[in-house]
Structures are given as structure tokens and as C-alpha cells.
């Protein structure tokens, strides 16, 4: 508060030094002589002079706190004298303290020796005297006022009797108390023994029952676990036998199927004993229509061989592109002629078209009207009685193959196919059946609706089937 009035409340150094002077002033008598407010003003005054800080003079700042200049100067001088005192000698002080302690011990020993010569303290009348010791203490001495030794001895006898009586009564009380305690402890001991024996008896029974229950439970669990293990073993054995039997049955079925296929192939193809083939009607002049070179041997080879071997059948081949997809048009064209030579088709019966609108490409859809126009022209020119080509799936889902089917379908719907000309398409199968060779013989007989060849399943086209296919595609 004092520093706030003076405007130095933020001055840390002034505040700390003032507190230091205040603490040092406690070693003087200024707080006995003056008020605390005056002492505080003196501490601030000393600090301001030390730090050379200006303080208000007109009017004087200490008058606000009720202090005068004389009081402040006197307090300041008393505090400053404290710092002028000589430093004490530690060795001299220690020696002086040792001397005083020695004198105190001697006086104490002397007082103890003089106390042993005094009369008995048990005397009722005593006079207390004493002397001062070296430290100013008072040493008491007890002296008996009675001069009669008989009286003292009588008092001693009474005291002895009283002590003996008191001792006997105390011993009796202790004996009674201890005997009662022993009696109760003995009773408690027997009761505890009975209680513990009873508890132990019940605990033994419980332990026996628990042991029996555990044994029964163990036997029951062992029985159930043994039964479960046996059931599990039996079920596992049955499953293993079942899986083994299933695998054996599958292997046997596969072997029998392969043997059946070999038998059918031998009987039909090699020996010719049984014929399941049914020739197309009006097979005098047959035209095979393909999209690329190599289609004739990849898809129609067995059928072409079947009809080229007949005496009264003339086979023609019409290829709507030269296979320029990889820049090998000439090579593939020559391969086409050589393949047809092997299949029995003369080169004069081969027609290869190289139309700009009919390129060999998977992603190009051929114009249906162009395909239909080329096919119609060859049918009319050659007098074809049977036409064989791809179905709506193109066997391999090739876009060019499918366009041939839709071109012929356009001719049938528009009535541009002659009445004496039948149209047959090669039935598409999945990839697995396509490359099974002779293993597909039973499936071909079972799944195909029309069988005109053993290895190539043909289906005759009519107007109803074509309209249905076109509706599905739309």
C-alpha cells in the first residue's frame, strides 16, 4: 500500500530491499519504541536513499502515514548500527559455552551429593531449605522436624504392614481374576473344540459328498465323451466311406462314358455297322457359305467330306472374305484352295469374294443387304438345292459369322429363297463340347434336335424359327 501511494508498486528492487530492511529491524528494538507504520516508512526511506530514487518532499511523503522526520532518522540510525557491529568469534563463543556447561554439571553433582545426607522424605513434618546453583536454579533440601527415632520406627512398621496388606489383597484380587479368566478360557477352549470338531465333521461329510459328486460327474462326462468320440469316429468313417464311394462312382462313370464313346465311334465310323446320320433333303447341289478362309475345315469339315464322297452330290463353297485381317489375304486364299482340294471340292466350285464392305474383323458388322444380295445371286446362278451355313450364334460368336445367318434370314423372310432350296445351320455348342472330339457323340445324340451328321449337328431353318430368333434379338 505504501509503495502504491508513492507510485513504486511495480519497482521490484525497491520492494525487495524494503523487505530486507524490515526483516533486519527485527534484531533491534525499533518495534518496541515506534509504531509499525513508522518503521515501514523508515525502511522505504533507507531503500530510496540506497537506490537514489526521488520521494515527494513538499509536503513530505511520510506525513501521510503519521510519521515524523525525527522518528524516521532515529529508526534508520538504529538499523544502520546493526550493520556496524563486529562479527562474533565462533571459537570464543564455543569455549564460553563449554565452561558454562562444565560449571552446571559440577553444581548438579554437588547438589545431588548434599541431598543424600538429608533425613527420610516419608517424615510428615519436613522443612525445606535450599541453595542456588550456578545457573540460578534452586536446589531443595528436605530435613525432618521430628527428633524421635521411635516414632520414625513405628511409622516404618505401620508402613510395612500396610504395604504387606496391600500386597496380599492385590495378590488375592489378581489370583481371583486370573482364576476366573482361566475358567472362562477353559470353557471357551472346550466349546471351541466342540465347535471345531462339529465343523470338521460336517466338512468331512461335505468333502466326501463333493468327492463323490465329482467322481460321478467325471464318470458321466467320461461316458458321454466316450460315446461322443465313438459317434464322431463312426460319422467320420461314414463320411470318408461316402466320399470314397462317390469318388469311385465318378471314376467308374467317367471310364464307362469314355468306353461308350469309343464303342460308338468304332461301330459308326470305323465299321459302319450302325448309321445314325440322316442326309439332308435335296442334297444334289449343296452350297457351304463361310465367312473366312479356314472356316470350311474348322467348322464344316466332316459334313463336307460326307457329301463330297457321294456320287450324285455336287458341293460348292462360297467364302465372303479373303482374310486380310493380318495382311495375309493371299496366303490364306491359297490355303483355302488347298484345303478344299483335300476335302474334295474342285477349285472351279470355290467362290471367294473380296468386297470392301465385308472386311475380316471381329468388331465390324457386315451389311445384311450386301450379304443377302451375294448369297441370292449364287443360289440363282448355281441352282442350289441345299444351303449350309452358321446359326445365329456363329459357332464361335464371331460377328461376321452371325451376319451370314441374318443375311440368309432376310432372304427367307422376304421370300427370295427358291422353293426347292432347303437351308441348314450348324448348331453352336459350348467350348468344352466343341473340343471333345469323340467324347461329344452321346451328347450330340441326346441334346441335338436334328442330326444330319455325326460330328456336325445341323438344324433346318424355317420361317417360324427365324421370326422367333429375330424377335429375341430385337
Protein backbone atom coordinates (compact mmCIF):
# COMPACT_ATOMS: atom_id res chain seq x y z
CA UNK A 1 0.00 0.00 0.00
CA UNK A 2 2.85 2.40 0.87
CA UNK A 3 4.55 1.84 -2.47
CA UNK A 4 1.25 2.16 -4.35
CA UNK A 5 0.75 5.62 -2.82
CA UNK A 6 4.28 6.60 -3.87
CA UNK A 7 3.85 5.10 -7.37
CA UNK A 8 6.59 2.46 -6.95
CA UNK A 9 4.42 -0.65 -6.60
CA UNK A 10 5.94 -2.14 -9.79
CA UNK A 11 9.52 -1.48 -8.68
CA UNK A 12 10.68 -4.95 -7.65
CA UNK A 13 14.09 -3.87 -6.39
CA UNK A 14 12.63 -1.19 -4.10
CA UNK A 15 10.12 -3.66 -2.73
CA UNK A 16 12.73 -6.36 -2.06
CA UNK A 17 15.24 -4.05 -0.34
CA UNK A 18 12.49 -2.58 1.85
CA UNK A 19 11.52 -6.07 2.98
CA UNK A 20 15.17 -6.85 3.73
CA UNK A 21 15.48 -3.77 5.98
CA UNK A 22 12.22 -4.71 7.66
CA UNK A 23 13.47 -8.22 8.45
CA UNK A 24 16.78 -6.91 9.78
CA UNK A 25 14.99 -4.40 12.01
CA UNK A 26 13.58 -7.32 13.99
CA UNK A 27 17.05 -7.74 15.50
CA UNK A 28 16.74 -4.28 17.07
CA UNK A 29 14.28 -2.66 19.49
CA UNK A 30 12.64 -0.28 17.00
CA UNK A 31 9.32 -2.14 17.08
CA UNK A 32 9.24 -1.60 20.83
CA UNK A 33 9.89 2.11 20.50
CA UNK A 34 7.81 3.04 17.43
CA UNK A 35 4.69 2.07 15.52
CA UNK A 36 4.97 -0.47 12.62
CA UNK A 37 3.84 2.20 10.13
CA UNK A 38 6.74 4.43 11.15
CA UNK A 39 9.21 1.53 10.85
CA UNK A 40 7.87 0.79 7.35
CA UNK A 41 8.38 4.42 6.33
CA UNK A 42 11.96 4.28 7.65
CA UNK A 43 12.67 1.10 5.61
CA UNK A 44 11.32 2.77 2.45
CA UNK A 45 13.41 5.86 3.24
CA UNK A 46 16.63 3.80 3.56
CA UNK A 47 15.92 1.90 0.33
CA UNK A 48 15.17 5.08 -1.64
CA UNK A 49 18.45 6.64 -0.47
CA UNK A 50 20.35 3.47 -1.39
CA UNK A 51 18.80 3.26 -4.89
CA UNK A 52 18.82 7.07 -5.30
CA UNK A 53 15.10 7.29 -6.01
CA UNK A 54 13.30 10.63 -5.54
CA UNK A 55 10.48 10.87 -3.00
CA UNK A 56 7.92 13.67 -2.56
CA UNK A 57 9.14 16.49 -0.24
CA UNK A 58 6.53 19.26 -0.41
CA UNK A 59 4.61 18.13 1.51
CA UNK A 60 6.76 15.32 2.93
CA UNK A 61 5.52 11.87 1.93
CA UNK A 62 5.85 10.28 5.40
CA UNK A 63 3.37 12.73 6.93
CA UNK A 64 0.59 10.87 5.15
CA UNK A 65 1.35 7.81 7.28
CA UNK A 66 1.63 9.76 10.55
CA UNK A 67 5.43 9.66 10.85
CA UNK A 68 7.89 12.46 11.56
CA UNK A 69 11.36 13.14 10.25
CA UNK A 70 13.00 12.67 13.69
CA UNK A 71 11.40 9.23 14.11
CA UNK A 72 12.47 8.10 10.67
CA UNK A 73 16.05 9.24 11.26
CA UNK A 74 16.25 7.54 14.65
CA UNK A 75 14.92 4.26 13.25
CA UNK A 76 17.29 4.48 10.30
CA UNK A 77 20.29 5.04 12.57
CA UNK A 78 19.35 2.10 14.77
CA UNK A 79 19.02 -0.19 11.74
CA UNK A 80 22.31 1.03 10.27
CA UNK A 81 24.14 0.48 13.58
CA UNK A 82 23.18 -3.16 13.23
CA UNK A 83 25.44 -3.45 10.21
CA UNK A 84 28.33 -1.79 12.13
CA UNK A 85 28.54 -4.45 14.83
CA UNK A 86 31.72 -6.53 14.87
CA UNK A 87 31.42 -10.13 13.84
CA UNK A 88 31.45 -12.61 16.75
CA UNK A 89 34.33 -15.05 17.23
CA UNK A 90 32.98 -18.55 16.96
CA UNK A 91 35.80 -20.18 18.89
CA UNK A 92 35.44 -17.83 21.88
CA UNK A 93 31.70 -18.42 21.99
CA UNK A 94 32.12 -22.18 21.87
CA UNK A 95 34.71 -22.04 24.69
CA UNK A 96 32.44 -19.91 26.84
CA UNK A 97 29.52 -22.31 26.28
CA UNK A 98 31.70 -25.26 27.27
CA UNK A 99 32.77 -23.53 30.51
CA UNK A 100 29.19 -22.80 31.45
CA UNK A 101 28.18 -26.41 30.77
CA UNK A 102 31.02 -27.66 32.96
CA UNK A 103 30.00 -25.39 35.84
CA UNK A 104 26.43 -26.57 35.51
CA UNK A 105 27.44 -30.22 35.71
CA UNK A 106 29.59 -29.60 38.81
CA UNK A 107 26.81 -27.73 40.58
CA UNK A 108 24.37 -30.50 39.73
CA UNK A 109 26.68 -33.18 41.11
CA UNK A 110 27.28 -31.18 44.28
CA UNK A 111 23.57 -30.70 44.86
CA UNK A 112 22.96 -34.44 44.36
CA UNK A 113 25.66 -35.30 46.93
CA UNK A 114 24.24 -32.97 49.56
CA UNK A 115 20.76 -34.46 49.06
CA UNK A 116 21.90 -37.96 50.17
CA UNK A 117 22.59 -36.73 53.78
CA UNK A 118 19.06 -35.46 54.33
CA UNK A 119 16.51 -37.37 56.52
CA UNK A 120 13.82 -39.70 55.09
CA UNK A 121 11.34 -37.96 52.87
CA UNK A 122 8.49 -40.02 54.30
CA UNK A 123 8.51 -37.95 57.52
CA UNK A 124 5.27 -35.98 57.85
CA UNK A 125 6.95 -32.86 59.08
CA UNK A 126 9.79 -31.53 56.99
CA UNK A 127 11.50 -28.26 56.48
CA UNK A 128 12.61 -27.40 53.03
CA UNK A 129 15.76 -25.44 52.53
CA UNK A 130 17.99 -24.96 49.53
CA UNK A 131 20.65 -23.04 47.75
CA UNK A 132 21.09 -21.52 44.37
CA UNK A 133 23.20 -23.32 41.80
CA UNK A 134 25.48 -21.76 39.24
CA UNK A 135 22.62 -21.21 36.75
CA UNK A 136 20.34 -19.55 39.25
CA UNK A 137 18.30 -22.68 39.96
CA UNK A 138 17.07 -23.59 43.44
CA UNK A 139 18.23 -26.87 44.98
CA UNK A 140 15.76 -28.19 47.54
CA UNK A 141 16.81 -29.98 50.69
CA UNK A 142 14.39 -31.90 52.95
CA UNK A 143 15.01 -32.15 56.64
CA UNK A 144 12.84 -33.86 59.29
CA UNK A 145 11.48 -31.76 62.11
CA UNK A 146 10.94 -34.81 64.39
CA UNK A 147 13.76 -35.83 66.67
CA UNK A 148 12.26 -39.09 67.91
CA UNK A 149 13.67 -42.25 66.38
CA UNK A 150 10.95 -44.38 67.98
CA UNK A 151 8.26 -42.54 66.23
CA UNK A 152 10.06 -42.99 62.96
CA UNK A 153 10.44 -46.73 63.50
CA UNK A 154 6.76 -47.02 64.44
CA UNK A 155 5.78 -45.25 61.33
CA UNK A 156 8.04 -47.57 59.38
CA UNK A 157 6.31 -50.63 60.90
CA UNK A 158 2.88 -49.27 60.04
CA UNK A 159 4.07 -48.59 56.56
CA UNK A 160 5.45 -52.12 56.23
CA UNK A 161 2.18 -53.66 57.46
CA UNK A 162 0.19 -51.50 55.12
CA UNK A 163 2.42 -52.45 52.24
CA UNK A 164 2.12 -56.14 53.10
CA UNK A 165 -1.67 -55.93 53.40
CA UNK A 166 -1.92 -54.06 50.20
CA UNK A 167 0.34 -56.57 48.53
CA UNK A 168 -1.71 -59.53 49.82
CA UNK A 169 -5.01 -58.00 48.76
CA UNK A 170 -3.62 -57.19 45.37
CA UNK A 171 -2.31 -60.73 45.03
CA UNK A 172 -5.70 -62.14 46.02
CA UNK A 173 -7.51 -59.96 43.55
CA UNK A 174 -5.09 -60.95 40.85
CA UNK A 175 -5.46 -64.63 41.74
CA UNK A 176 -9.25 -64.43 41.62
CA UNK A 177 -9.15 -62.54 38.41
CA UNK A 178 -6.71 -64.92 36.79
CA UNK A 179 -8.59 -67.99 38.00
CA UNK A 180 -11.84 -66.64 36.60
CA UNK A 181 -10.07 -65.84 33.39
CA UNK A 182 -8.62 -69.34 33.25
CA UNK A 183 -12.05 -70.81 33.93
CA UNK A 184 -13.63 -68.85 31.12
CA UNK A 185 -10.76 -69.56 28.80
CA UNK A 186 -11.01 -73.29 29.59
CA UNK A 187 -14.73 -73.22 28.88
CA UNK A 188 -14.19 -71.33 25.69
CA UNK A 189 -11.46 -73.75 24.74
CA UNK A 190 -13.74 -76.75 25.19
CA UNK A 191 -16.60 -75.04 23.40
CA UNK A 192 -14.27 -74.09 20.57
CA UNK A 193 -13.04 -77.65 20.43
CA UNK A 194 -16.59 -78.97 20.22
CA UNK A 195 -17.47 -76.39 17.64
CA UNK A 196 -14.41 -77.15 15.55
CA UNK A 197 -14.96 -80.88 15.84
CA UNK A 198 -18.58 -80.44 14.72
CA UNK A 199 -17.48 -78.23 11.88
CA UNK A 200 -14.76 -80.66 10.91
CA UNK A 201 -17.30 -83.49 10.97
CA UNK A 202 -19.58 -81.60 8.62
CA UNK A 203 -16.67 -80.53 6.47
CA UNK A 204 -15.53 -84.16 6.16
CA UNK A 205 -19.02 -85.14 5.12
CA UNK A 206 -19.17 -82.30 2.63
CA UNK A 207 -15.78 -83.25 1.27
CA UNK A 208 -16.91 -86.83 0.89
CA UNK A 209 -20.09 -85.72 -0.86
CA UNK A 210 -18.15 -83.36 -3.12
CA UNK A 211 -15.68 -86.08 -3.93
CA UNK A 212 -18.49 -88.47 -4.73
CA UNK A 213 -20.26 -85.88 -6.87
CA UNK A 214 -17.07 -85.10 -8.73
CA UNK A 215 -16.46 -88.78 -9.32
CA UNK A 216 -20.00 -89.29 -10.58
CA UNK A 217 -19.69 -86.25 -12.81
CA UNK A 218 -16.34 -87.43 -14.10
CA UNK A 219 -17.75 -90.90 -14.83
CA UNK A 220 -20.77 -89.38 -16.52
CA UNK A 221 -18.65 -86.98 -18.56
CA UNK A 222 -16.27 -89.78 -19.41
CA UNK A 223 -19.17 -91.91 -20.55
CA UNK A 224 -20.66 -89.12 -22.64
CA UNK A 225 -17.28 -88.15 -24.04
CA UNK A 226 -16.57 -91.77 -24.91
CA UNK A 227 -19.94 -92.08 -26.61
CA UNK A 228 -19.39 -88.79 -28.42
CA UNK A 229 -15.97 -89.91 -29.58
CA UNK A 230 -17.39 -93.16 -30.84
CA UNK A 231 -20.21 -91.34 -32.63
CA UNK A 232 -17.75 -88.88 -34.12
CA UNK A 233 -15.49 -91.70 -35.28
CA UNK A 234 -18.42 -93.54 -36.81
CA UNK A 235 -19.76 -90.43 -38.54
CA UNK A 236 -16.30 -89.53 -39.79
CA UNK A 237 -15.78 -93.07 -41.01
CA UNK A 238 -19.14 -92.99 -42.79
CA UNK A 239 -18.30 -89.66 -44.40
CA UNK A 240 -14.94 -90.97 -45.54
CA UNK A 241 -16.56 -94.09 -46.93
CA UNK A 242 -19.21 -91.98 -48.62
CA UNK A 243 -16.63 -89.66 -50.16
CA UNK A 244 -14.53 -92.64 -51.24
CA UNK A 245 -17.58 -94.30 -52.74
CA UNK A 246 -18.55 -91.07 -54.51
CA UNK A 247 -15.08 -90.69 -55.97
CA UNK A 248 -15.10 -94.32 -57.06
CA UNK A 249 -18.50 -93.91 -58.68
CA UNK A 250 -17.37 -90.80 -60.53
CA UNK A 251 -14.25 -92.54 -61.79
CA UNK A 252 -16.24 -95.58 -62.88
CA UNK A 253 -18.82 -93.38 -64.63
CA UNK A 254 -16.08 -91.49 -66.49
CA UNK A 255 -14.44 -94.73 -67.58
CA UNK A 256 -17.75 -96.15 -68.76
CA UNK A 257 -18.55 -92.93 -70.65
CA UNK A 258 -15.19 -92.98 -72.43
CA UNK A 259 -15.64 -96.65 -73.31
CA UNK A 260 -19.12 -95.89 -74.67
CA UNK A 261 -17.77 -93.06 -76.83
CA UNK A 262 -15.00 -95.28 -78.19
CA UNK A 263 -17.50 -98.04 -78.91
CA UNK A 264 -19.90 -95.71 -80.74
CA UNK A 265 -17.11 -94.17 -82.76
CA UNK A 266 -15.77 -97.60 -83.72
CA UNK A 267 -19.17 -99.00 -84.64
CA UNK A 268 -20.34 -95.95 -86.57
CA UNK A 269 -17.21 -94.58 -88.20
CA UNK A 270 -14.80 -97.46 -88.49
CA UNK A 271 -17.08 -100.42 -89.06
CA UNK A 272 -20.13 -98.60 -90.41
CA UNK A 273 -22.41 -101.16 -88.82
CA UNK A 274 -24.87 -98.60 -87.48
CA UNK A 275 -25.68 -95.33 -89.19
CA UNK A 276 -27.20 -92.53 -87.19
CA UNK A 277 -26.71 -89.94 -89.91
CA UNK A 278 -29.65 -88.53 -91.75
CA UNK A 279 -28.96 -86.83 -95.05
CA UNK A 280 -30.49 -83.51 -95.92
CA UNK A 281 -33.23 -83.42 -98.47
CA UNK A 282 -32.34 -82.42 -101.99
CA UNK A 283 -28.61 -82.82 -101.47
CA UNK A 284 -27.88 -82.90 -105.20
CA UNK A 285 -26.33 -79.41 -105.22
CA UNK A 286 -25.09 -78.26 -101.78
CA UNK A 287 -23.63 -74.80 -101.10
CA UNK A 288 -21.50 -74.15 -97.99
CA UNK A 289 -21.29 -70.46 -97.06
CA UNK A 290 -18.37 -69.35 -94.84
CA UNK A 291 -17.03 -66.00 -93.73
CA UNK A 292 -13.24 -66.55 -93.83
CA UNK A 293 -10.70 -68.97 -95.19
CA UNK A 294 -10.17 -71.89 -92.75
CA UNK A 295 -13.86 -71.91 -91.69
CA UNK A 296 -14.51 -74.80 -94.08
CA UNK A 297 -12.10 -77.12 -92.28
CA UNK A 298 -12.61 -75.83 -88.73
CA UNK A 299 -16.43 -75.99 -88.65
CA UNK A 300 -17.74 -77.87 -91.70
CA UNK A 301 -15.02 -80.45 -92.40
CA UNK A 302 -16.93 -83.68 -91.55
CA UNK A 303 -20.08 -82.52 -93.34
CA UNK A 304 -18.17 -81.52 -96.48
CA UNK A 305 -16.41 -84.89 -96.54
CA UNK A 306 -19.73 -86.67 -96.16
CA UNK A 307 -21.23 -85.01 -99.24
CA UNK A 308 -18.14 -84.92 -101.45
CA UNK A 309 -17.93 -88.69 -101.15
CA UNK A 310 -21.44 -89.13 -102.52
CA UNK A 311 -21.58 -89.80 -106.25
CA UNK A 312 -24.71 -87.85 -107.09
CA UNK A 313 -23.88 -84.76 -104.97
CA UNK A 314 -22.17 -81.58 -106.17
CA UNK A 315 -20.60 -79.42 -103.43
CA UNK A 316 -19.89 -75.69 -103.74
CA UNK A 317 -18.09 -73.35 -101.31
CA UNK A 318 -18.73 -69.64 -101.01
CA UNK A 319 -16.32 -67.53 -98.85
CA UNK A 320 -17.36 -63.90 -98.31
CA UNK A 321 -13.85 -62.56 -97.46
CA UNK A 322 -10.19 -63.25 -98.18
CA UNK A 323 -8.99 -62.98 -94.56
CA UNK A 324 -6.99 -59.76 -94.81
CA UNK A 325 -7.18 -59.06 -91.10
CA UNK A 326 -3.46 -59.70 -90.52
CA UNK A 327 -2.29 -58.75 -94.02
CA UNK A 328 -2.23 -62.40 -95.10
CA UNK A 329 -5.09 -62.35 -97.58
CA UNK A 330 -3.22 -64.02 -100.45
CA UNK A 331 -1.69 -66.68 -98.20
CA UNK A 332 -4.99 -67.59 -96.62
CA UNK A 333 -6.67 -67.69 -100.03
CA UNK A 334 -4.13 -70.19 -101.29
CA UNK A 335 -4.58 -72.24 -98.11
CA UNK A 336 -8.33 -72.24 -98.76
CA UNK A 337 -7.87 -73.81 -102.19
CA UNK A 338 -5.51 -76.45 -100.83
CA UNK A 339 -7.92 -77.28 -98.00
CA UNK A 340 -10.81 -77.66 -100.42
CA UNK A 341 -8.66 -79.91 -102.59
CA UNK A 342 -8.19 -82.22 -99.60
CA UNK A 343 -11.90 -82.09 -98.75
CA UNK A 344 -12.85 -82.98 -102.33
CA UNK A 345 -14.15 -79.64 -103.61
CA UNK A 346 -12.75 -78.68 -107.00
CA UNK A 347 -11.31 -75.20 -107.43
CA UNK A 348 -13.97 -74.33 -110.01
CA UNK A 349 -16.64 -74.76 -107.32
CA UNK A 350 -14.95 -72.27 -104.95
CA UNK A 351 -16.15 -68.64 -104.88
CA UNK A 352 -14.10 -66.15 -102.84
CA UNK A 353 -15.45 -62.58 -102.59
CA UNK A 354 -13.28 -59.59 -101.79
CA UNK A 355 -15.82 -56.86 -101.02
CA UNK A 356 -14.81 -53.57 -99.40
CA UNK A 357 -17.88 -53.60 -97.13
CA UNK A 358 -17.09 -57.14 -95.94
CA UNK A 359 -13.71 -56.92 -94.14
CA UNK A 360 -12.32 -59.64 -91.92
CA UNK A 361 -12.76 -58.02 -88.49
CA UNK A 362 -14.27 -59.08 -85.18
CA UNK A 363 -15.76 -55.66 -84.42
CA UNK A 364 -17.22 -54.90 -87.88
CA UNK A 365 -20.81 -55.82 -88.58
CA UNK A 366 -21.36 -56.64 -92.24
CA UNK A 367 -24.29 -55.01 -94.04
CA UNK A 368 -27.14 -57.52 -94.15
CA UNK A 369 -28.41 -56.41 -97.56
CA UNK A 370 -24.97 -56.84 -99.17
CA UNK A 371 -24.60 -60.34 -97.72
CA UNK A 372 -28.12 -61.29 -98.80
CA UNK A 373 -27.54 -59.98 -102.34
CA UNK A 374 -24.33 -62.01 -102.84
CA UNK A 375 -25.91 -65.21 -101.49
CA UNK A 376 -29.07 -64.80 -103.56
CA UNK A 377 -27.05 -64.28 -106.74
CA UNK A 378 -25.06 -67.52 -106.25
CA UNK A 379 -28.18 -69.52 -105.36
CA UNK A 380 -29.92 -68.46 -108.54
CA UNK A 381 -26.84 -68.92 -110.72
CA UNK A 382 -25.82 -72.37 -109.45
CA UNK A 383 -29.31 -73.80 -108.88
CA UNK A 384 -28.59 -74.75 -105.28
CA UNK A 385 -30.92 -77.25 -103.60
CA UNK A 386 -29.38 -77.21 -100.06
CA UNK A 387 -27.69 -74.33 -98.25
CA UNK A 388 -25.48 -74.93 -95.15
CA UNK A 389 -24.01 -72.11 -93.01
CA UNK A 390 -23.68 -70.77 -89.41
CA UNK A 391 -26.54 -70.31 -86.94
CA UNK A 392 -27.38 -67.06 -85.14
CA UNK A 393 -24.53 -67.57 -82.62
CA UNK A 394 -21.92 -68.13 -85.32
CA UNK A 395 -20.47 -71.20 -83.51
CA UNK A 396 -17.65 -69.01 -82.11
CA UNK A 397 -19.73 -65.81 -81.64
CA UNK A 398 -17.81 -64.14 -84.45
CA UNK A 399 -19.65 -61.08 -85.71
CA UNK A 400 -19.02 -61.94 -89.39
CA UNK A 401 -20.43 -65.46 -88.90
CA UNK A 402 -23.61 -64.09 -87.35
CA UNK A 403 -24.09 -61.63 -90.23
CA UNK A 404 -24.26 -64.53 -92.72
CA UNK A 405 -27.12 -66.05 -90.72
CA UNK A 406 -29.04 -62.78 -90.64
CA UNK A 407 -28.44 -62.29 -94.38
CA UNK A 408 -29.99 -65.68 -95.17
CA UNK A 409 -32.80 -64.98 -92.67
CA UNK A 410 -33.51 -61.79 -94.60
CA UNK A 411 -33.83 -63.79 -97.81
CA UNK A 412 -36.19 -66.31 -96.20
CA UNK A 413 -38.42 -63.65 -94.62
CA UNK A 414 -38.64 -61.74 -97.91
CA UNK A 415 -39.34 -64.96 -99.87
CA UNK A 416 -36.24 -64.74 -102.04
CA UNK A 417 -35.13 -68.33 -101.41
CA UNK A 418 -36.35 -70.75 -104.12
CA UNK A 419 -38.90 -73.33 -103.03
CA UNK A 420 -36.68 -76.26 -103.86
CA UNK A 421 -33.80 -74.95 -101.71
CA UNK A 422 -33.55 -76.00 -98.05
CA UNK A 423 -31.44 -74.06 -95.52
CA UNK A 424 -29.49 -75.75 -92.71
CA UNK A 425 -27.37 -74.14 -89.98
CA UNK A 426 -24.58 -75.57 -87.86
CA UNK A 427 -25.72 -75.77 -84.23
CA UNK A 428 -23.44 -73.88 -81.81
CA UNK A 429 -22.16 -75.64 -78.71
CA UNK A 430 -20.09 -74.56 -75.73
CA UNK A 431 -16.30 -74.57 -75.77
CA UNK A 432 -16.00 -77.81 -73.83
CA UNK A 433 -18.17 -79.80 -76.22
CA UNK A 434 -16.55 -78.14 -79.20
CA UNK A 435 -13.15 -79.69 -78.50
CA UNK A 436 -14.20 -83.01 -77.00
CA UNK A 437 -13.99 -84.82 -80.30
CA UNK A 438 -15.50 -88.31 -79.99
CA UNK A 439 -16.49 -87.73 -76.35
CA UNK A 440 -19.30 -85.49 -77.57
CA UNK A 441 -21.00 -88.26 -79.58
CA UNK A 442 -23.54 -89.27 -76.87
CA UNK A 443 -24.31 -85.65 -76.03
CA UNK A 444 -24.89 -84.81 -79.67
CA UNK A 445 -27.45 -87.59 -80.00
CA UNK A 446 -29.18 -86.66 -76.75
CA UNK A 447 -29.20 -82.84 -76.86
CA UNK A 448 -29.45 -82.02 -80.56
CA UNK A 449 -32.89 -81.63 -82.08
CA UNK A 450 -31.80 -82.56 -85.61
CA UNK A 451 -28.98 -84.90 -86.53
CA UNK A 452 -27.69 -84.87 -90.04
CA UNK A 453 -24.05 -85.66 -89.28
CA UNK A 454 -22.24 -87.46 -86.52
CA UNK A 455 -19.71 -84.75 -85.71
CA UNK A 456 -21.64 -81.73 -87.05
CA UNK A 457 -25.17 -81.22 -85.79
CA UNK A 458 -27.28 -79.37 -88.34
CA UNK A 459 -30.64 -77.73 -87.84
CA UNK A 460 -33.06 -76.96 -90.65
CA UNK A 461 -34.28 -73.38 -90.78
CA UNK A 462 -37.90 -72.43 -91.31
CA UNK A 463 -39.83 -69.20 -91.26
CA UNK A 464 -41.23 -69.69 -87.74
CA UNK A 465 -37.82 -70.27 -86.15
CA UNK A 466 -36.33 -67.30 -87.97
CA UNK A 467 -39.11 -64.95 -86.87
CA UNK A 468 -38.69 -66.14 -83.27
CA UNK A 469 -34.92 -65.58 -83.40
CA UNK A 470 -35.40 -62.11 -84.85
CA UNK A 471 -37.88 -61.19 -82.10
CA UNK A 472 -35.43 -62.39 -79.45
CA UNK A 473 -32.63 -60.34 -80.99
CA UNK A 474 -34.83 -57.26 -81.20
